[in-house]
Structures are given as C-alpha cells and as structure tokens.
Amino acid sequence: MQIDTVVILTHQNQIMDPEWIALLHCARNGECTSSDLSSLCSLILSDPHYDVPNFLHSPWKDAVLITPRNSVQTQWNTFSLAKYCTMTGTHHYRAPSRRFDM
C-alpha cells in the first residue's frame, strides 16, 4: 500500500440539527423512545419501507466518508471504485501481489 494523498482536516463538522442531536443523546444514554427507534430504523438501507436515495446523483454521488473503522473503509472503497468505473466507463484491473523479503 502506498499513500499518495494526505488530507489535513482543519475543521470539525458537528451535527447542527437539534432534533437529531436530541435523538443521538437519547441513544447514547439508552433512553430512546419508540419514536426514536422508528426514526433510526427508517435509515437502514435494507429496510423494504425505506426510500433509498439514488446514490448516483447529487448530493450523494459526491459524498465523502471519513471513518476510523477499517472494515467500513474497505467496503466504501470497494463500492466507490465500482461506482467510479461505472461512471467513467473504465475497467477495474486487480493484480494481487505478495511481498517477498530478500
């Protein structure tokens, strides 16, 4: 793996919506109401009742994910690469390699 881009975050964006802040506060403290749980469950993309946004259009197509979790990052990168290849009509070539120490 080679890092060729470094991003320095200079501003911490936090949630500004008072209703969402209250819901997250309840979730952190284990005080969710049935309405809170319903709101959270409505965000699950695999829920058949959820109206999944079209991720190929703005604002979702330009979304950036910053996560401390490697498993999420790996899945996001895999999806983003597939999306990029689809949008640009390019092919994704995968060439696994092994490191041999001499």
Protein backbone atom coordinates (compact mmCIF):
# COMPACT_ATOMS: atom_id res chain seq x y z
CA MET A 1 0.00 0.00 0.00
CA GLN A 2 1.28 3.42 -0.89
CA ILE A 3 -0.21 6.66 0.38
CA ASP A 4 -0.21 9.30 -2.32
CA THR A 5 -2.71 11.78 -0.87
CA VAL A 6 -2.81 13.33 2.57
CA VAL A 7 -5.83 15.28 3.78
CA ILE A 8 -5.45 17.59 6.76
CA LEU A 9 -8.77 18.24 8.45
CA THR A 10 -8.85 21.76 9.83
CA HIS A 11 -12.50 21.96 10.85
CA GLN A 12 -14.63 19.56 12.83
CA ASN A 13 -18.16 19.47 11.49
CA GLN A 14 -20.77 18.56 14.01
CA ILE A 15 -24.46 17.94 13.73
CA MET A 16 -26.44 21.17 13.96
CA ASP A 17 -30.00 19.77 13.81
CA PRO A 18 -31.45 20.00 17.36
CA GLU A 19 -33.82 17.05 16.80
CA TRP A 20 -31.01 14.80 15.58
CA ILE A 21 -28.77 15.92 18.48
CA ALA A 22 -31.54 15.02 20.94
CA LEU A 23 -32.04 11.61 19.32
CA LEU A 24 -28.30 10.83 19.47
CA HIS A 25 -28.19 11.96 23.09
CA CYS A 26 -31.04 9.55 23.94
CA ALA A 27 -29.30 6.73 22.04
CA ARG A 28 -26.02 7.31 23.93
CA ASN A 29 -27.85 7.18 27.25
CA GLY A 30 -30.13 4.25 26.40
CA GLU A 31 -33.23 6.43 26.66
CA CYS A 32 -34.69 6.03 23.17
CA THR A 33 -38.44 6.21 22.78
CA SER A 34 -40.30 4.07 20.28
CA SER A 35 -40.40 7.14 18.03
CA ASP A 36 -36.59 7.47 18.28
CA LEU A 37 -36.13 3.81 17.38
CA SER A 38 -38.55 4.17 14.49
CA SER A 39 -36.56 7.15 13.21
CA LEU A 40 -33.28 5.24 13.47
CA CYS A 41 -34.69 2.12 11.83
CA SER A 42 -36.02 4.21 8.95
CA LEU A 43 -32.39 4.93 7.99
CA ILE A 44 -31.49 1.29 7.37
CA LEU A 45 -30.98 0.98 3.62
CA SER A 46 -32.06 -2.66 3.51
CA ASP A 47 -35.43 -1.84 5.12
CA PRO A 48 -38.09 -2.50 2.44
CA HIS A 49 -40.05 0.55 3.62
CA TYR A 50 -37.06 2.88 3.22
CA ASP A 51 -36.97 5.11 0.18
CA VAL A 52 -33.36 4.53 -0.85
CA PRO A 53 -31.85 7.65 -2.43
CA ASN A 54 -30.21 7.44 -5.82
CA PHE A 55 -26.52 7.45 -4.92
CA LEU A 56 -25.53 8.27 -8.49
CA HIS A 57 -26.94 11.81 -8.20
CA SER A 58 -26.06 14.81 -6.06
CA PRO A 59 -25.64 15.24 -3.20
CA TRP A 60 -24.89 11.54 -2.68
CA LYS A 61 -22.60 10.99 -5.67
CA ASP A 62 -20.06 13.39 -4.17
CA ALA A 63 -20.34 12.12 -0.60
CA VAL A 64 -17.15 11.67 1.38
CA LEU A 65 -16.78 9.10 4.14
CA ILE A 66 -14.34 9.58 6.98
CA THR A 67 -14.29 6.65 9.38
CA PRO A 68 -11.91 5.18 11.92
CA ARG A 69 -13.11 1.66 11.08
CA ASN A 70 -11.02 -0.24 8.53
CA SER A 71 -13.83 -2.64 7.61
CA VAL A 72 -16.14 0.25 6.71
CA GLN A 73 -13.35 1.98 4.82
CA THR A 74 -12.62 -1.16 2.80
CA GLN A 75 -16.27 -1.65 1.86
CA TRP A 76 -16.65 2.05 0.99
CA ASN A 77 -13.53 1.98 -1.18
CA THR A 78 -14.70 -1.15 -2.99
CA PHE A 79 -18.10 0.41 -3.70
CA SER A 80 -16.57 3.77 -4.68
CA LEU A 81 -14.19 2.11 -7.12
CA ALA A 82 -17.04 0.19 -8.75
CA LYS A 83 -19.09 3.39 -8.96
CA TYR A 84 -16.17 5.29 -10.47
CA CYS A 85 -15.59 2.59 -13.09
CA THR A 86 -19.28 2.62 -13.99
CA MET A 87 -19.42 6.40 -14.27
CA THR A 88 -16.23 6.71 -16.35
CA GLY A 89 -16.59 3.53 -18.40
CA THR A 90 -13.17 2.33 -17.26
CA HIS A 91 -12.18 -1.17 -16.25
CA HIS A 92 -11.00 -2.23 -12.84
CA TYR A 93 -7.97 -4.47 -13.07
CA ARG A 94 -6.96 -6.31 -9.93
CA ALA A 95 -3.44 -7.60 -9.59
CA PRO A 96 -2.86 -9.20 -6.20
CA SER A 97 0.74 -9.41 -5.15
CA ARG A 98 2.79 -10.92 -2.38
CA ARG A 99 5.73 -9.39 -0.65
CA PHE A 100 8.93 -11.37 -0.74
CA ASP A 101 11.58 -10.36 1.73
CA MET A 102 15.09 -10.88 0.49
